[in-house]
Amino acid sequence: MKLLPSKLFRKVTPSHQLVMHTLPAELLIEIARHLTWTIDVLHFSLTASRLRTILLPEMYKTVFLFGTAWVGALEMFARRPELCAHIRTLEIDLFYEALRPELQEEVDIDNIAALIEQVSAGLLNLQTFEWSGERLPPDHLFLTLRNTCPRLKNLYLYANDIIFDPASELFKFDDLEGFTLRIEYDVKAAEPAPFQDIPIQLGDMLLQRCPRLDCLSIRLRSMPNMWGQEIDRLLSGVWPKLELFHLDIEVIDSDPITLWPSISSLSTFFAAHSCLTDLGLTAYAVFPTNVLSGELPPCFGANASLKLTCLEGLVQHAAELPSPEALGELVLGTVVTETSLDRTLPVLRGLTALKELVIEFSDIDASTAVRQIVSACPSLTTLHVKFYKTAFDSKQLRDFSAQLKGLSRLQSLIFDKVYSASGVTLLKTALMLLSDNPLLADICIINFEDKRWHQRGHYLVLTDRKGRRFVSARESGLDRGYPQGKFGSLYPRGKFSRTFRYALGRDVLGSIPRKFKRMRR
């Protein structure tokens, strides 16, 4: 009796070995870059010793550590310092939600920072460091990175909490090319964050010691802070190579004009940055509401000459764009409701080159919203749509999928909706969308509950070497069936995570019950 298919034990033939030893290294690297998953690159590299030698730099060029992987991986790098020399980008994500349960023990951030410091001496080619966690790493890690990583030029930091220290090592970097500091709004916080002054050292570093910035993003919406003066300082800066500029600007909901930058400051800034193509100016309130009660001042003067390709902001600022025909991507900061839809549609129709759209809806009929968006933006290739108060039953899902047929070029879809225990399964939803929109190659479905995700399915449509199409799927979520504790019905403690492939035939919906009847949903 064979426990596994014989093809799994098939050895690499001499002819295969010959191919690996004769193909140019550049071609082998290009082949590896087209593989979907990192594990496939690893398997590819193991087919020949020469191939592994060639692909090692490609395999370790970007290291992304999440879940519980960071400890083992960093300890491995400490034992294998020769691998550290290949790392160009190091990303540490300590709250990666796609593979974590609702409740887990707090991560030992100090231990993670200590492990990074152990391997830092080998990170001679590190160019980008990215950190995502409940809080920023201890300050001494920034000192270590600055002293041991001579090529570090990009620093991207994301956290839910920060206590500003004017003497922090974070504000002592020189000659950065990319800098992001993003503090998200923490919905779990029992009390609002205290008011803090933004240290002038942050502006000093960016304005005086980083003249070659091409990416600058500062988003502090989770914490009350009155940093209008620091915003004015940043808008006085000149970075000739700046291409991306994102700011969260705090406003007072009852009087939003008070803290918004003046049109003269913005006009002067835009005039000095002709390379700017990606702009984000997002208004938020200390006590946030979906829709600001008042209009904000304009962003673009009559003589503005910017040709933005990406904008994140409110509808009114999208309506002011000096060259709307150039915009290819829009992240709409205004939550669209039934009453505001009529004001939004003319703006979208004027963006004739728009290919990517992120839009959120609330208090609106889903069918009407989708139909109008499809009509206004028929050339979209990427759509991220979120419905705050709609769970979507079977009929609504069929209508949603059918209406997307009007987007004949749609290739990527992210679909956020309210979780419903009686709703259609993730896989069936994805296949329904694919049956109506055959050009879709990337589908992500997120069911959220109480402002947090509950289930997530990511589906890539691929073709095997025989020309047959299949779906490579990854599904994860909270497992309500996990053994319950005292408060288990209110605080789910488990999770599920699975990867699988689904072969696409003529009828993508016909074989679901047979193939997946024993899979949990």
Protein backbone atom coordinates (compact mmCIF):
# COMPACT_ATOMS: atom_id res chain seq x y z
CA MET A 1 0.00 0.00 0.00
CA LYS A 2 1.31 3.44 -0.97
CA LEU A 3 0.75 6.08 1.66
CA LEU A 4 1.88 8.90 -0.63
CA PRO A 5 1.82 9.35 -4.42
CA SER A 6 4.92 8.00 -6.10
CA LYS A 7 5.52 11.35 -7.83
CA LEU A 8 6.47 12.84 -4.46
CA PHE A 9 9.49 10.56 -4.39
CA ARG A 10 10.57 11.18 -7.97
CA LYS A 11 14.25 12.09 -8.08
CA VAL A 12 15.70 14.94 -10.06
CA THR A 13 16.95 13.48 -13.35
CA PRO A 14 20.40 14.22 -14.81
CA SER A 15 18.75 16.29 -17.54
CA HIS A 16 17.10 18.50 -14.90
CA GLN A 17 20.44 18.92 -13.16
CA LEU A 18 22.04 19.88 -16.47
CA VAL A 19 19.44 22.58 -17.03
CA MET A 20 20.09 24.04 -13.58
CA HIS A 21 23.82 24.22 -14.28
CA THR A 22 23.53 25.78 -17.75
CA LEU A 23 20.83 28.45 -17.36
CA PRO A 24 22.14 31.97 -16.62
CA ALA A 25 21.90 33.08 -13.00
CA GLU A 26 19.81 36.12 -14.00
CA LEU A 27 17.18 33.87 -15.59
CA LEU A 28 16.99 31.59 -12.53
CA ILE A 29 16.52 34.61 -10.26
CA GLU A 30 13.76 35.93 -12.53
CA ILE A 31 12.00 32.54 -12.39
CA ALA A 32 12.15 32.61 -8.58
CA ARG A 33 10.62 36.10 -8.50
CA HIS A 34 7.56 34.84 -10.37
CA LEU A 35 6.79 32.12 -7.81
CA THR A 36 3.76 32.90 -5.66
CA TRP A 37 4.78 31.71 -2.20
CA THR A 38 8.12 31.92 -0.42
CA ILE A 39 7.98 28.20 0.32
CA ASP A 40 7.92 27.56 -3.43
CA VAL A 41 11.13 29.56 -3.80
CA LEU A 42 12.69 27.41 -1.08
CA HIS A 43 11.66 24.18 -2.82
CA PHE A 44 12.97 25.54 -6.11
CA SER A 45 16.34 26.36 -4.52
CA LEU A 46 16.73 22.81 -3.19
CA THR A 47 16.76 21.21 -6.65
CA ALA A 48 20.48 21.96 -7.14
CA SER A 49 23.34 23.23 -5.01
CA ARG A 50 24.21 25.88 -7.62
CA LEU A 51 20.64 27.11 -7.59
CA ARG A 52 20.62 27.44 -3.81
CA THR A 53 23.83 29.47 -3.93
CA ILE A 54 22.35 31.77 -6.56
CA LEU A 55 19.00 32.20 -4.81
CA LEU A 56 20.21 32.75 -1.25
CA PRO A 57 20.47 36.55 -1.70
CA GLU A 58 17.00 36.61 -3.28
CA MET A 59 15.48 34.42 -0.55
CA TYR A 60 16.78 36.58 2.29
CA LYS A 61 16.59 39.98 0.61
CA THR A 62 13.32 40.70 2.45
CA VAL A 63 12.67 39.04 5.82
CA PHE A 64 9.14 39.41 7.22
CA LEU A 65 8.65 37.95 10.71
CA PHE A 66 5.20 37.63 12.30
CA GLY A 67 3.11 35.36 14.47
CA THR A 68 5.51 33.36 16.66
CA ALA A 69 8.20 33.14 13.99
CA TRP A 70 10.36 36.04 15.10
CA VAL A 71 12.12 34.29 18.02
CA GLY A 72 13.21 31.19 16.12
CA ALA A 73 14.18 33.17 13.03
CA LEU A 74 16.25 35.74 14.91
CA GLU A 75 18.00 33.01 16.89
CA MET A 76 18.80 31.28 13.60
CA PHE A 77 20.26 34.49 12.18
CA ALA A 78 22.40 34.83 15.31
CA ARG A 79 23.85 31.38 14.59
CA ARG A 80 24.20 32.07 10.84
CA PRO A 81 25.59 35.62 10.54
CA GLU A 82 26.54 35.00 6.90
CA LEU A 83 22.82 35.04 6.04
CA CYS A 84 22.36 38.47 7.62
CA ALA A 85 24.50 40.04 4.90
CA HIS A 86 21.78 39.23 2.34
CA ILE A 87 19.02 41.09 4.24
CA ARG A 88 18.01 44.40 2.67
CA THR A 89 14.61 44.75 4.36
CA LEU A 90 13.68 43.53 7.85
CA GLU A 91 10.01 43.70 8.84
CA ILE A 92 8.85 42.80 12.35
CA ASP A 93 5.09 42.54 12.82
CA LEU A 94 4.11 41.77 16.41
CA PHE A 95 0.37 42.04 15.93
CA TYR A 96 -0.12 40.42 12.54
CA GLU A 97 -3.84 39.74 12.73
CA ALA A 98 -4.27 37.24 9.91
CA LEU A 99 -2.78 34.36 11.94
CA ARG A 100 -3.41 35.24 15.56
CA PRO A 101 -6.26 34.50 17.99
CA GLU A 102 -8.36 37.18 19.59
CA LEU A 103 -6.62 36.75 22.91
CA GLN A 104 -2.97 35.87 23.42
CA GLU A 105 -0.21 36.63 25.87
CA GLU A 106 1.46 39.98 25.45
CA VAL A 107 4.56 39.83 23.32
CA ASP A 108 7.87 40.41 25.09
CA ILE A 109 8.96 43.42 23.03
CA ASP A 110 12.16 43.88 25.01
CA ASN A 111 13.22 40.31 24.21
CA ILE A 112 12.52 40.80 20.51
CA ALA A 113 14.57 43.99 20.50
CA ALA A 114 17.43 42.20 22.27
CA LEU A 115 17.42 39.45 19.63
CA ILE A 116 17.53 42.05 16.84
CA GLU A 117 20.49 43.69 18.55
CA GLN A 118 22.30 40.34 18.64
CA VAL A 119 22.15 40.01 14.86
CA SER A 120 22.54 43.70 14.05
CA ALA A 121 26.31 43.46 13.60
CA GLY A 122 25.71 41.28 10.53
CA LEU A 123 23.10 43.58 8.97
CA LEU A 124 25.69 45.51 7.01
CA ASN A 125 23.44 45.80 3.93
CA LEU A 126 20.17 46.55 5.73
CA GLN A 127 18.41 49.42 3.96
CA THR A 128 14.88 49.28 5.40
CA PHE A 129 13.66 48.51 8.93
CA GLU A 130 9.94 48.21 9.62
CA TRP A 131 8.35 47.67 13.03
CA SER A 132 4.67 47.04 13.83
CA GLY A 133 3.63 46.49 17.43
CA GLU A 134 1.47 47.65 20.31
CA ARG A 135 4.30 50.03 21.17
CA LEU A 136 7.61 51.03 19.67
CA PRO A 137 10.75 49.05 20.55
CA PRO A 138 12.97 50.24 23.41
CA ASP A 139 14.98 53.30 22.57
CA HIS A 140 18.36 51.57 22.65
CA LEU A 141 17.41 49.52 19.58
CA PHE A 142 17.37 52.69 17.46
CA LEU A 143 20.85 53.55 18.76
CA THR A 144 22.10 50.07 17.85
CA LEU A 145 20.63 50.19 14.35
CA ARG A 146 22.08 53.62 13.75
CA ASN A 147 25.56 52.50 14.81
CA THR A 148 25.70 49.03 13.20
CA CYS A 149 23.69 49.40 9.96
CA PRO A 150 25.54 51.94 7.81
CA ARG A 151 23.18 51.56 4.83
CA LEU A 152 19.93 51.99 6.77
CA LYS A 153 17.96 54.68 4.91
CA ASN A 154 14.30 53.81 5.49
CA LEU A 155 12.56 53.64 8.85
CA TYR A 156 8.87 52.66 8.99
CA LEU A 157 7.25 52.49 12.45
CA TYR A 158 3.66 51.53 13.33
CA ALA A 159 2.26 51.29 16.88
CA ASN A 160 -0.87 51.72 18.97
CA ASP A 161 0.81 53.73 21.69
CA ILE A 162 3.76 56.06 22.10
CA ILE A 163 5.19 58.24 24.86
CA PHE A 164 7.25 60.96 23.25
CA ASP A 165 10.70 61.61 24.68
CA PRO A 166 12.49 64.65 23.24
CA ALA A 167 15.84 62.91 23.89
CA SER A 168 14.84 59.72 22.06
CA GLU A 169 17.37 58.02 19.79
CA LEU A 170 14.57 57.85 17.22
CA PHE A 171 15.08 61.53 16.44
CA LYS A 172 18.86 61.26 15.90
CA PHE A 173 19.04 59.58 12.49
CA ASP A 174 20.79 61.28 9.59
CA ASP A 175 20.24 61.21 5.84
CA LEU A 176 17.09 59.08 5.85
CA GLU A 177 15.32 58.61 2.52
CA GLY A 178 12.07 57.23 3.90
CA PHE A 179 10.43 57.88 7.27
CA THR A 180 7.03 56.75 8.57
CA LEU A 181 5.64 57.18 12.08
CA ARG A 182 2.07 55.92 12.33
CA ILE A 183 0.20 55.63 15.63
CA GLU A 184 -3.15 53.96 15.07
CA TYR A 185 -6.34 54.59 17.02
CA ASP A 186 -6.55 51.92 19.75
CA VAL A 187 -10.19 50.90 20.03
CA LYS A 188 -9.41 48.68 23.05
CA ALA A 189 -8.04 51.49 25.22
CA ALA A 190 -10.06 52.00 28.40
CA GLU A 191 -9.13 55.67 28.58
CA PRO A 192 -8.18 58.20 25.92
CA ALA A 193 -4.49 58.84 25.45
CA PRO A 194 -3.08 61.85 27.30
CA PHE A 195 -2.29 65.06 25.46
CA GLN A 196 1.33 65.24 24.40
CA ASP A 197 3.52 67.83 22.79
CA ILE A 198 5.26 66.73 19.61
CA PRO A 199 9.01 67.06 20.24
CA ILE A 200 10.65 69.68 18.07
CA GLN A 201 13.49 67.17 17.64
CA LEU A 202 11.29 65.23 15.19
CA GLY A 203 11.03 68.24 12.91
CA ASP A 204 14.71 69.09 13.40
CA MET A 205 15.76 65.64 12.21
CA LEU A 206 13.56 65.72 9.11
CA LEU A 207 14.17 69.34 8.15
CA GLN A 208 17.86 69.70 8.95
CA ARG A 209 19.45 66.25 8.61
CA CYS A 210 17.38 64.38 6.01
CA PRO A 211 17.52 66.44 2.79
CA ARG A 212 17.10 63.42 0.50
CA LEU A 213 13.71 62.25 1.74
CA ASP A 214 11.54 60.73 -0.97
CA CYS A 215 8.89 59.31 1.41
CA LEU A 216 7.51 61.06 4.50
CA SER A 217 4.44 59.89 6.42
CA ILE A 218 3.46 61.03 9.92
CA ARG A 219 0.10 59.83 11.19
CA LEU A 220 -0.69 60.32 14.87
CA ARG A 221 -4.44 59.93 14.98
CA SER A 222 -4.56 57.66 18.04
CA MET A 223 -3.31 60.34 20.39
CA PRO A 224 -4.65 63.81 21.21
CA ASN A 225 -1.97 66.29 20.31
CA MET A 226 -1.97 69.88 19.26
CA TRP A 227 0.81 69.89 16.73
CA GLY A 228 -0.35 72.60 14.40
CA GLN A 229 2.95 74.44 14.77
CA GLU A 230 4.93 71.31 13.86
CA ILE A 231 2.75 70.81 10.77
CA ASP A 232 3.52 74.36 9.71
CA ARG A 233 7.23 73.61 10.19
CA LEU A 234 7.04 70.50 8.01
CA LEU A 235 5.18 72.42 5.32
CA SER A 236 8.05 74.90 5.26
CA GLY A 237 10.54 72.15 4.42
CA VAL A 238 11.98 71.45 0.98
CA TRP A 239 12.94 67.93 -0.09
CA PRO A 240 13.69 67.98 -3.83
CA LYS A 241 13.20 64.22 -4.24
CA LEU A 242 9.99 63.93 -2.23
CA GLU A 243 7.46 61.67 -4.00
CA LEU A 244 5.18 60.56 -1.13
CA PHE A 245 3.85 62.86 1.59
CA HIS A 246 1.17 61.77 4.08
CA LEU A 247 -0.09 63.69 7.11
CA ASP A 248 -2.92 63.08 9.55
CA ILE A 249 -4.18 66.50 10.58
CA GLU A 250 -6.20 66.85 13.75
CA VAL A 251 -9.29 69.02 13.51
CA ILE A 252 -12.07 70.06 15.84
CA ASP A 253 -15.28 68.56 14.50
CA SER A 254 -17.39 71.59 15.39
CA ASP A 255 -14.87 74.01 13.85
CA PRO A 256 -12.57 72.10 11.47
CA ILE A 257 -11.10 75.24 9.89
CA THR A 258 -9.29 76.24 13.09
CA LEU A 259 -6.37 73.80 12.86
CA TRP A 260 -6.25 73.04 9.14
CA PRO A 261 -3.15 74.44 7.35
CA SER A 262 -3.68 77.61 5.40
CA ILE A 263 -3.99 77.52 1.62
CA SER A 264 -0.86 79.67 1.36
CA SER A 265 1.23 77.16 3.35
CA LEU A 266 0.00 74.25 1.27
CA SER A 267 0.46 76.11 -2.02
CA THR A 268 4.04 77.03 -1.14
CA PHE A 269 4.79 73.43 -0.16
CA PHE A 270 3.31 71.97 -3.36
CA ALA A 271 5.14 74.50 -5.52
CA ALA A 272 8.46 73.42 -3.99
CA HIS A 273 7.87 69.70 -4.60
CA SER A 274 7.35 69.10 -8.29
CA CYS A 275 8.20 65.38 -7.92
CA LEU A 276 5.27 64.76 -5.54
CA THR A 277 2.96 62.07 -6.94
CA ASP A 278 1.46 60.46 -3.80
CA LEU A 279 -0.35 62.75 -1.34
CA GLY A 280 -2.34 61.96 1.79
CA LEU A 281 -4.00 64.70 3.85
CA THR A 282 -6.41 63.01 6.23
CA ALA A 283 -8.55 64.94 8.69
CA TYR A 284 -9.46 63.36 12.00
CA ALA A 285 -11.10 64.55 15.19
CA VAL A 286 -10.20 63.85 18.81
CA PHE A 287 -13.74 62.51 19.15
CA PRO A 288 -14.08 60.98 15.68
CA THR A 289 -17.27 60.94 13.69
CA ASN A 290 -17.96 59.40 10.31
CA VAL A 291 -18.57 62.70 8.60
CA LEU A 292 -17.18 66.10 9.58
CA SER A 293 -19.95 68.59 10.26
CA GLY A 294 -18.15 71.39 8.41
CA GLU A 295 -16.23 71.81 5.19
CA LEU A 296 -12.46 72.03 5.35
CA PRO A 297 -10.46 74.76 3.63
CA PRO A 298 -9.19 73.99 0.11
CA CYS A 299 -5.85 72.25 -0.41
CA PHE A 300 -4.89 73.34 -3.91
CA GLY A 301 -4.57 76.90 -5.09
CA ALA A 302 -5.66 78.12 -8.50
CA ASN A 303 -2.09 77.90 -9.82
CA ALA A 304 -1.28 74.43 -8.48
CA SER A 305 0.55 72.34 -11.06
CA LEU A 306 0.75 68.97 -9.31
CA LYS A 307 0.01 65.82 -11.27
CA LEU A 308 -0.81 63.36 -8.53
CA THR A 309 -1.16 59.68 -9.36
CA CYS A 310 -2.33 58.72 -5.85
CA LEU A 311 -4.45 60.67 -3.36
CA GLU A 312 -5.71 59.81 0.11
CA GLY A 313 -8.16 62.36 1.41
CA LEU A 314 -11.69 63.68 1.50
CA VAL A 315 -14.11 63.98 -1.40
CA GLN A 316 -13.84 67.77 -1.41
CA HIS A 317 -10.07 67.59 -1.94
CA ALA A 318 -10.42 65.04 -4.73
CA ALA A 319 -12.78 67.54 -6.36
CA GLU A 320 -10.06 70.23 -6.23
CA LEU A 321 -7.31 68.25 -7.96
CA PRO A 322 -5.43 70.44 -10.46
CA SER A 323 -4.96 67.53 -12.91
CA PRO A 324 -7.74 65.03 -12.16
CA GLU A 325 -7.09 63.15 -15.39
CA ALA A 326 -3.69 62.00 -14.01
CA LEU A 327 -5.00 60.36 -10.82
CA GLY A 328 -4.80 56.58 -10.94
CA GLU A 329 -5.42 55.67 -7.28
CA LEU A 330 -7.83 57.16 -4.74
CA VAL A 331 -8.15 56.25 -1.06
CA LEU A 332 -11.30 58.05 -0.01
CA GLY A 333 -11.23 59.27 3.60
CA THR A 334 -14.91 60.22 3.55
CA VAL A 335 -17.32 57.46 4.58
CA VAL A 336 -20.02 57.61 1.91
CA THR A 337 -23.63 57.54 3.08
CA GLU A 338 -26.94 57.70 1.27
CA THR A 339 -27.02 61.48 1.69
CA SER A 340 -23.44 62.07 0.50
CA LEU A 341 -23.45 59.67 -2.47
CA ASP A 342 -24.82 62.27 -4.88
CA ARG A 343 -21.95 64.63 -4.03
CA THR A 344 -19.36 61.88 -4.44
CA LEU A 345 -20.34 60.48 -7.84
CA PRO A 346 -19.54 63.60 -9.96
CA VAL A 347 -16.06 63.70 -8.42
CA LEU A 348 -15.42 60.06 -9.28
CA ARG A 349 -16.67 60.51 -12.85
CA GLY A 350 -14.11 63.27 -13.36
CA LEU A 351 -11.22 60.92 -12.53
CA THR A 352 -11.03 59.40 -16.00
CA ALA A 353 -7.74 57.53 -15.42
CA LEU A 354 -8.75 56.03 -12.06
CA LYS A 355 -7.67 52.39 -11.81
CA GLU A 356 -7.60 51.77 -8.04
CA LEU A 357 -10.26 52.83 -5.52
CA VAL A 358 -10.64 52.38 -1.76
CA ILE A 359 -14.09 53.41 -0.56
CA GLU A 360 -16.21 52.85 2.56
CA PHE A 361 -19.99 52.90 2.95
CA SER A 362 -22.36 53.25 5.89
CA ASP A 363 -26.13 53.75 6.18
CA ILE A 364 -26.72 53.02 2.51
CA ASP A 365 -28.33 50.36 0.37
CA ALA A 366 -25.45 48.16 -0.79
CA SER A 367 -26.96 47.39 -4.18
CA THR A 368 -27.42 51.07 -4.98
CA ALA A 369 -23.92 51.96 -3.82
CA VAL A 370 -22.18 49.31 -5.92
CA ARG A 371 -24.24 50.03 -9.02
CA GLN A 372 -23.40 53.74 -8.85
CA ILE A 373 -19.68 53.14 -8.26
CA VAL A 374 -19.46 50.74 -11.19
CA SER A 375 -21.16 53.30 -13.40
CA ALA A 376 -18.89 56.15 -12.26
CA CYS A 377 -15.58 54.20 -12.42
CA PRO A 378 -15.85 51.64 -15.25
CA SER A 379 -12.06 51.31 -15.75
CA LEU A 380 -11.16 50.08 -12.27
CA THR A 381 -8.65 47.24 -12.04
CA THR A 382 -8.45 47.24 -8.22
CA LEU A 383 -11.34 47.85 -5.81
CA HIS A 384 -11.34 47.83 -2.01
CA VAL A 385 -14.88 48.29 -0.76
CA LYS A 386 -16.07 48.19 2.84
CA PHE A 387 -19.63 48.13 4.18
CA TYR A 388 -19.87 49.02 7.87
CA LYS A 389 -23.42 47.88 8.55
CA THR A 390 -24.16 45.24 5.91
CA ALA A 391 -23.71 41.49 6.50
CA PHE A 392 -24.84 40.46 2.96
CA ASP A 393 -27.21 37.50 2.71
CA SER A 394 -27.15 35.16 -0.29
CA LYS A 395 -29.29 37.40 -2.48
CA GLN A 396 -27.27 40.50 -1.67
CA LEU A 397 -24.05 38.65 -2.48
CA ARG A 398 -25.41 37.51 -5.84
CA ASP A 399 -26.46 41.07 -6.64
CA PHE A 400 -23.06 42.43 -5.57
CA SER A 401 -21.20 39.88 -7.68
CA ALA A 402 -23.40 40.45 -10.73
CA GLN A 403 -23.07 44.23 -10.56
CA LEU A 404 -19.27 43.96 -10.63
CA LYS A 405 -19.57 42.61 -14.18
CA GLY A 406 -19.65 46.24 -15.25
CA LEU A 407 -15.98 46.48 -14.23
CA SER A 408 -14.69 44.54 -17.22
CA ARG A 409 -11.02 45.12 -16.26
CA LEU A 410 -11.28 44.28 -12.56
CA GLN A 411 -8.35 42.09 -11.46
CA SER A 412 -8.13 42.62 -7.70
CA LEU A 413 -10.94 42.90 -5.14
CA ILE A 414 -10.90 43.41 -1.37
CA PHE A 415 -14.39 43.03 0.07
CA ASP A 416 -15.05 43.97 3.74
CA LYS A 417 -18.43 43.23 5.26
CA VAL A 418 -20.07 42.50 8.59
CA TYR A 419 -19.69 38.92 9.81
CA SER A 420 -22.79 36.75 9.91
CA ALA A 421 -22.84 33.17 11.24
CA SER A 422 -25.58 32.29 8.75
CA GLY A 423 -23.86 33.91 5.79
CA VAL A 424 -22.31 32.32 2.71
CA THR A 425 -18.89 30.72 3.28
CA LEU A 426 -15.69 32.49 2.31
CA LEU A 427 -14.82 30.07 -0.47
CA LYS A 428 -18.29 30.04 -1.96
CA THR A 429 -18.33 33.84 -1.96
CA ALA A 430 -14.97 33.93 -3.75
CA LEU A 431 -16.08 31.44 -6.39
CA MET A 432 -19.33 33.33 -6.92
CA LEU A 433 -17.34 36.50 -7.56
CA LEU A 434 -15.00 34.65 -9.89
CA SER A 435 -17.81 33.10 -11.90
CA ASP A 436 -19.24 36.55 -12.67
CA ASN A 437 -15.85 38.25 -13.06
CA PRO A 438 -13.44 35.79 -14.71
CA LEU A 439 -10.57 38.30 -14.98
CA LEU A 440 -10.27 38.49 -11.20
CA ALA A 441 -6.86 37.18 -10.15
CA ASP A 442 -6.73 38.33 -6.52
CA ILE A 443 -9.70 38.20 -4.14
CA CYS A 444 -9.64 39.02 -0.42
CA ILE A 445 -12.80 38.71 1.68
CA ILE A 446 -12.87 40.03 5.24
CA ASN A 447 -15.75 39.46 7.63
CA PHE A 448 -15.39 41.82 10.59
CA GLU A 449 -17.27 41.99 13.87
CA ASP A 450 -17.22 44.70 16.54
CA LYS A 451 -14.62 46.72 14.61
CA ARG A 452 -12.27 43.71 14.44
CA TRP A 453 -11.81 41.11 11.74
CA HIS A 454 -13.42 37.72 12.35
CA GLN A 455 -12.68 35.76 9.17
CA ARG A 456 -10.38 36.37 6.23
CA GLY A 457 -9.98 34.55 2.95
CA HIS A 458 -7.33 35.34 0.34
CA TYR A 459 -7.63 33.69 -3.07
CA LEU A 460 -5.16 33.87 -5.96
CA VAL A 461 -6.13 32.56 -9.38
CA LEU A 462 -3.12 30.82 -10.94
CA THR A 463 -2.32 28.56 -13.87
CA ASP A 464 -0.30 25.35 -13.58
CA ARG A 465 2.26 24.14 -16.10
CA LYS A 466 -0.42 22.27 -18.03
CA GLY A 467 -2.47 25.42 -18.50
CA ARG A 468 -5.13 24.51 -15.95
CA ARG A 469 -6.46 27.31 -13.73
CA PHE A 470 -6.77 26.84 -9.99
CA VAL A 471 -7.36 28.89 -6.85
CA SER A 472 -4.57 29.05 -4.29
CA ALA A 473 -6.42 29.83 -1.06
CA ARG A 474 -5.54 30.92 2.44
CA GLU A 475 -8.31 31.16 5.02
CA SER A 476 -8.02 32.19 8.65
CA GLY A 477 -10.22 33.39 11.42
CA LEU A 478 -11.44 33.08 14.96
CA ASP A 479 -12.79 29.65 15.83
CA ARG A 480 -16.05 29.94 17.75
CA GLY A 481 -15.97 26.16 18.24
CA TYR A 482 -12.78 26.30 20.33
CA PRO A 483 -13.20 24.86 23.86
CA GLN A 484 -14.88 27.59 25.78
CA GLY A 485 -13.68 29.16 29.02
CA LYS A 486 -15.74 31.00 31.57
CA PHE A 487 -16.22 33.93 29.23
CA GLY A 488 -15.70 31.96 26.03
CA SER A 489 -19.02 32.93 24.47
CA LEU A 490 -18.00 36.58 24.63
CA TYR A 491 -14.26 36.32 24.09
CA PRO A 492 -13.37 33.66 21.49
CA ARG A 493 -9.97 32.15 22.26
CA GLY A 494 -9.21 29.97 19.28
CA LYS A 495 -8.37 30.38 15.63
CA PHE A 496 -8.26 28.43 12.41
CA SER A 497 -5.86 28.76 9.53
CA ARG A 498 -5.70 26.65 6.38
CA THR A 499 -4.21 26.72 2.91
CA PHE A 500 -5.47 24.68 -0.01
CA ARG A 501 -5.90 24.63 -3.76
CA TYR A 502 -9.15 24.42 -5.67
CA ALA A 503 -9.16 23.35 -9.31
CA LEU A 504 -11.34 25.50 -11.55
CA GLY A 505 -13.51 23.61 -14.00
CA ARG A 506 -16.32 24.74 -16.24
CA ASP A 507 -18.64 25.21 -13.27
CA VAL A 508 -16.70 26.80 -10.44
CA LEU A 509 -19.63 26.42 -8.05
CA GLY A 510 -20.77 22.88 -8.81
CA SER A 511 -18.30 20.84 -6.81
CA ILE A 512 -18.11 22.82 -3.59
CA PRO A 513 -20.40 20.63 -1.45
CA ARG A 514 -18.61 17.45 -2.53
CA LYS A 515 -15.06 18.67 -2.03
CA PHE A 516 -15.46 20.79 1.07
CA LYS A 517 -18.41 19.37 2.96
CA ARG A 518 -16.18 18.37 5.88
CA MET A 519 -14.32 21.66 6.13
CA ARG A 520 -15.28 23.95 8.98
CA ARG A 521 -16.62 27.35 8.15
